[in-house]
Amino acid sequence: MVFSEKVIEQAWNRAKGKCECQKLNHKHPTGKCGKELVFTNRNREGRGRWEARPISKTFGDTIYNCEILCANCYKLTLYER
């Protein structure tokens, strides 16, 4: 799933620059990852890198289907599908 820049920006603003992961099996201490991210490090290396992940394959290019995840949480979700 490729998201439009508009949807990614809306999701980023909703996330307030933090990882939105709430997966229980990731064992986040507060229930949500919340790791600080760097906007310019999407799909890149470096501190605060992150990815935009679709929640469902069927909901399309919408803010409701776009989840902002740190690189570590994103990598863990790749093996959960």
C-alpha atoms as a PDB file:
ATOM      1  CA  MET A   1       0.000   0.000   0.000  1.00  0.00           C
ATOM      2  CA  VAL A   2       1.354   3.365  -1.019  1.00  0.00           C
ATOM      3  CA  PHE A   3      -0.121   6.336   0.806  1.00  0.00           C
ATOM      4  CA  SER A   4      -0.422   9.822  -0.653  1.00  0.00           C
ATOM      5  CA  GLU A   5       1.768  12.497   0.899  1.00  0.00           C
ATOM      6  CA  LYS A   6      -1.376  14.209   2.202  1.00  0.00           C
ATOM      7  CA  VAL A   7      -2.467  11.099   4.125  1.00  0.00           C
ATOM      8  CA  ILE A   8       1.038  10.544   5.502  1.00  0.00           C
ATOM      9  CA  GLU A   9       1.226  14.149   6.688  1.00  0.00           C
ATOM     10  CA  GLN A  10      -2.210  13.881   8.337  1.00  0.00           C
ATOM     11  CA  ALA A  11      -1.238  10.632  10.069  1.00  0.00           C
ATOM     12  CA  TRP A  12       2.093  12.151  11.168  1.00  0.00           C
ATOM     13  CA  ASN A  13       0.269  15.120  12.695  1.00  0.00           C
ATOM     14  CA  ARG A  14      -2.178  12.801  14.469  1.00  0.00           C
ATOM     15  CA  ALA A  15       0.764  10.793  15.863  1.00  0.00           C
ATOM     16  CA  LYS A  16       2.523  14.009  16.976  1.00  0.00           C
ATOM     17  CA  GLY A  17       5.835  12.603  15.746  1.00  0.00           C
ATOM     18  CA  LYS A  18       5.644   9.461  17.893  1.00  0.00           C
ATOM     19  CA  CYS A  19       5.230   5.760  17.162  1.00  0.00           C
ATOM     20  CA  GLU A  20       1.555   4.766  17.358  1.00  0.00           C
ATOM     21  CA  CYS A  21       2.140   1.038  17.944  1.00  0.00           C
ATOM     22  CA  GLN A  22      -0.135  -0.469  20.601  1.00  0.00           C
ATOM     23  CA  LYS A  23       0.440  -4.158  19.886  1.00  0.00           C
ATOM     24  CA  LEU A  24       0.328  -6.138  23.113  1.00  0.00           C
ATOM     25  CA  ASN A  25       2.901  -8.688  21.946  1.00  0.00           C
ATOM     26  CA  HIS A  26       5.469  -5.866  21.531  1.00  0.00           C
ATOM     27  CA  LYS A  27       5.296  -5.401  25.314  1.00  0.00           C
ATOM     28  CA  HIS A  28       5.466  -1.617  25.417  1.00  0.00           C
ATOM     29  CA  PRO A  29       5.746  -0.522  29.084  1.00  0.00           C
ATOM     30  CA  THR A  30       2.876   1.994  28.854  1.00  0.00           C
ATOM     31  CA  GLY A  31       0.755   0.119  26.319  1.00  0.00           C
ATOM     32  CA  LYS A  32       1.908   2.366  23.466  1.00  0.00           C
ATOM     33  CA  CYS A  33       5.412   2.608  22.014  1.00  0.00           C
ATOM     34  CA  GLY A  34       5.527   6.407  21.795  1.00  0.00           C
ATOM     35  CA  LYS A  35       9.112   6.498  20.503  1.00  0.00           C
ATOM     36  CA  GLU A  36      10.098   9.957  19.192  1.00  0.00           C
ATOM     37  CA  LEU A  37      10.435  10.025  15.412  1.00  0.00           C
ATOM     38  CA  VAL A  38      12.076  12.374  12.911  1.00  0.00           C
ATOM     39  CA  PHE A  39       9.862  13.398   9.975  1.00  0.00           C
ATOM     40  CA  THR A  40      12.726  13.438   7.448  1.00  0.00           C
ATOM     41  CA  ASN A  41      13.808   9.900   8.414  1.00  0.00           C
ATOM     42  CA  ARG A  42      10.866   8.080   6.853  1.00  0.00           C
ATOM     43  CA  ASN A  43      12.196   5.031   4.957  1.00  0.00           C
ATOM     44  CA  ARG A  44      15.747   6.097   5.850  1.00  0.00           C
ATOM     45  CA  GLU A  45      18.468   5.147   8.275  1.00  0.00           C
ATOM     46  CA  GLY A  46      19.243   7.109  11.398  1.00  0.00           C
ATOM     47  CA  ARG A  47      17.717   8.160  14.693  1.00  0.00           C
ATOM     48  CA  GLY A  48      13.945   8.378  14.713  1.00  0.00           C
ATOM     49  CA  ARG A  49      13.411   6.441  11.500  1.00  0.00           C
ATOM     50  CA  TRP A  50       9.863   5.316  10.769  1.00  0.00           C
ATOM     51  CA  GLU A  51       7.396   3.860   8.279  1.00  0.00           C
ATOM     52  CA  ALA A  52       3.744   4.433   7.370  1.00  0.00           C
ATOM     53  CA  ARG A  53       1.922   1.104   7.590  1.00  0.00           C
ATOM     54  CA  PRO A  54      -1.574   0.184   6.396  1.00  0.00           C
ATOM     55  CA  ILE A  55      -3.832  -1.177   9.120  1.00  0.00           C
ATOM     56  CA  SER A  56      -5.925  -3.074   6.553  1.00  0.00           C
ATOM     57  CA  LYS A  57      -5.416  -3.967   2.907  1.00  0.00           C
ATOM     58  CA  THR A  58      -9.023  -3.077   2.118  1.00  0.00           C
ATOM     59  CA  PHE A  59      -9.417   0.468   3.533  1.00  0.00           C
ATOM     60  CA  GLY A  60      -7.156   2.208   1.003  1.00  0.00           C
ATOM     61  CA  ASP A  61      -5.411   5.567   1.068  1.00  0.00           C
ATOM     62  CA  THR A  62      -7.047   7.178   4.113  1.00  0.00           C
ATOM     63  CA  ILE A  63      -5.789   8.587   7.397  1.00  0.00           C
ATOM     64  CA  TYR A  64      -7.853   5.933   9.198  1.00  0.00           C
ATOM     65  CA  ASN A  65      -5.837   3.201   7.513  1.00  0.00           C
ATOM     66  CA  CYS A  66      -2.391   4.766   7.984  1.00  0.00           C
ATOM     67  CA  GLU A  67      -0.405   3.935  11.110  1.00  0.00           C
ATOM     68  CA  ILE A  68       2.926   5.633  11.936  1.00  0.00           C
ATOM     69  CA  LEU A  69       5.439   3.134  13.347  1.00  0.00           C
ATOM     70  CA  CYS A  70       9.064   3.358  14.439  1.00  0.00           C
ATOM     71  CA  ALA A  71      11.417   1.140  12.440  1.00  0.00           C
ATOM     72  CA  ASN A  72      11.553  -1.486  15.191  1.00  0.00           C
ATOM     73  CA  CYS A  73       7.763  -1.836  15.579  1.00  0.00           C
ATOM     74  CA  TYR A  74       7.356  -1.834  11.801  1.00  0.00           C
ATOM     75  CA  LYS A  75       9.880  -4.647  11.460  1.00  0.00           C
ATOM     76  CA  LEU A  76       8.103  -6.693  14.140  1.00  0.00           C
ATOM     77  CA  THR A  77       4.752  -6.294  12.365  1.00  0.00           C
ATOM     78  CA  LEU A  78       6.183  -7.691   9.116  1.00  0.00           C
ATOM     79  CA  TYR A  79       6.451 -11.091  10.772  1.00  0.00           C
ATOM     80  CA  GLU A  80       2.974 -10.982  12.326  1.00  0.00           C
ATOM     81  CA  ARG A  81       0.904 -11.067   9.133  1.00  0.00           C
END
